[in-house]
Amino acid sequence: QVQLVESGGGLVQAGGSLRLSCSASGSIFSRKMGWYRRAPGKQRELVAEITSGGNTNYADSVKGRFTVSRENDKSTVYLQMKILKPEDTAVYYCAASTPGGTTAYWGRGTQVTVSS
């Protein structure tokens, strides 16, 4: 069964840090994983992604502040968020790819709220 479960969201002050976790089913974790976010009234955007080989990509808005990583033995992907800004406030979603590399599976999301 394909399942992605996010955790670690919460309320933090601007400049603070938070780490999100995503537990994935073993059948899909070997593929590319990603973190997306959707703020109220805005379109969903890619925040960070990591390939099975460990290569990463980040949105320009989070470069230098966010770090995506994975622990394959735990079937878990992380998003370490530092120097958080109010504009980072959003629901963050974990996503997994098909064997062809296209994003097709989504978690239910975890709320991140950054106060000013």
Protein backbone atom coordinates (compact mmCIF):
# COMPACT_ATOMS: atom_id res chain seq x y z
CA GLN A 1 0.00 0.00 0.00
CA VAL A 2 1.38 3.40 -0.98
CA GLN A 3 1.44 5.74 2.00
CA LEU A 4 3.26 8.96 2.85
CA VAL A 5 2.88 10.47 6.32
CA GLU A 6 4.31 13.87 7.25
CA SER A 7 5.03 15.07 10.76
CA GLY A 8 6.93 17.81 12.57
CA GLY A 9 4.90 20.86 11.64
CA GLY A 10 4.03 23.52 14.15
CA LEU A 11 4.19 27.17 15.13
CA VAL A 12 7.57 28.89 15.31
CA GLN A 13 8.85 32.44 15.48
CA ALA A 14 10.60 34.07 12.56
CA GLY A 15 14.25 33.09 12.55
CA GLY A 16 13.53 29.78 14.22
CA SER A 17 13.97 26.24 12.97
CA LEU A 18 11.78 23.22 12.38
CA ARG A 19 12.36 19.76 10.95
CA LEU A 20 9.72 17.90 9.00
CA SER A 21 9.70 14.15 8.57
CA CYS A 22 8.02 11.97 5.99
CA SER A 23 7.62 8.25 6.47
CA ALA A 24 7.10 6.44 3.19
CA SER A 25 6.15 2.93 2.22
CA GLY A 26 9.09 0.87 1.06
CA SER A 27 7.61 0.24 -2.34
CA ILE A 28 8.14 3.86 -3.41
CA PHE A 29 10.86 5.22 -1.16
CA SER A 30 13.64 4.10 -3.48
CA ARG A 31 12.47 6.74 -5.94
CA LYS A 32 12.84 10.51 -6.02
CA MET A 33 11.20 12.22 -3.05
CA GLY A 34 10.10 15.82 -2.72
CA TRP A 35 8.68 18.45 -0.43
CA TYR A 36 6.02 20.83 -1.68
CA ARG A 37 4.08 23.54 0.07
CA ARG A 38 0.82 25.36 -0.45
CA ALA A 39 0.00 28.62 1.27
CA PRO A 40 -3.63 29.74 1.57
CA GLY A 41 -4.77 31.28 -1.67
CA LYS A 42 -1.58 30.36 -3.48
CA GLN A 43 -0.51 27.63 -5.87
CA ARG A 44 1.43 24.62 -4.71
CA GLU A 45 5.16 24.97 -5.21
CA LEU A 46 8.16 22.69 -5.07
CA VAL A 47 10.33 23.39 -2.05
CA ALA A 48 13.00 20.71 -2.32
CA GLU A 49 13.58 17.30 -3.82
CA ILE A 50 16.10 14.54 -3.44
CA THR A 51 16.86 11.68 -5.80
CA SER A 52 17.56 8.12 -4.83
CA GLY A 53 21.23 8.92 -5.35
CA GLY A 54 21.15 11.89 -2.98
CA ASN A 55 21.15 14.73 -5.49
CA THR A 56 19.10 17.70 -4.31
CA ASN A 57 17.30 20.68 -5.78
CA TYR A 58 15.78 23.65 -3.97
CA ALA A 59 13.47 26.50 -4.71
CA ASP A 60 15.38 29.78 -4.87
CA SER A 61 13.35 31.12 -1.96
CA VAL A 62 14.68 28.47 0.43
CA LYS A 63 18.25 27.96 -0.76
CA GLY A 64 20.69 28.35 2.09
CA ARG A 65 17.96 27.91 4.69
CA PHE A 66 16.37 24.51 4.01
CA THR A 67 18.05 21.13 3.70
CA VAL A 68 16.43 17.95 2.40
CA SER A 69 17.86 14.58 3.33
CA ARG A 70 16.85 10.95 3.48
CA GLU A 71 17.55 7.90 5.60
CA ASN A 72 16.87 4.94 3.38
CA ASP A 73 17.06 2.37 6.17
CA LYS A 74 14.18 4.18 7.87
CA SER A 75 12.27 4.92 4.68
CA THR A 76 12.15 8.53 5.84
CA VAL A 77 12.85 11.85 4.17
CA TYR A 78 13.47 15.06 6.13
CA LEU A 79 13.23 18.76 5.53
CA GLN A 80 15.34 20.80 7.93
CA MET A 81 14.10 24.37 7.87
CA LYS A 82 16.19 27.17 9.36
CA ILE A 83 15.89 30.94 9.54
CA LEU A 84 12.19 30.56 8.94
CA LYS A 85 10.27 33.51 7.58
CA PRO A 86 6.57 34.36 7.79
CA GLU A 87 6.29 33.71 4.05
CA ASP A 88 7.27 30.09 4.72
CA THR A 89 3.87 29.60 6.35
CA ALA A 90 2.07 26.85 4.44
CA VAL A 91 0.93 23.27 4.48
CA TYR A 92 3.92 21.14 3.57
CA TYR A 93 3.44 17.95 1.60
CA CYS A 94 5.71 15.00 1.05
CA ALA A 95 5.65 13.51 -2.43
CA ALA A 96 7.03 10.46 -4.17
CA SER A 97 7.65 9.69 -7.82
CA THR A 98 6.71 6.92 -10.21
CA PRO A 99 9.46 4.68 -11.59
CA GLY A 100 9.65 7.14 -14.48
CA GLY A 101 10.43 10.02 -12.15
CA THR A 102 7.14 11.89 -12.24
CA THR A 103 5.52 12.94 -8.97
CA ALA A 104 2.39 10.87 -8.38
CA TYR A 105 1.98 10.14 -4.66
CA TRP A 106 1.23 12.64 -1.92
CA GLY A 107 1.02 12.76 1.83
CA ARG A 108 -1.79 14.48 3.68
CA GLY A 109 0.35 17.45 4.70
CA THR A 110 1.59 19.11 7.88
CA GLN A 111 1.01 22.74 8.83
CA VAL A 112 3.95 25.09 9.33
CA THR A 113 3.19 28.53 10.71
CA VAL A 114 5.86 31.18 11.18
CA SER A 115 4.97 34.20 13.26
CA SER A 116 6.56 37.60 12.85
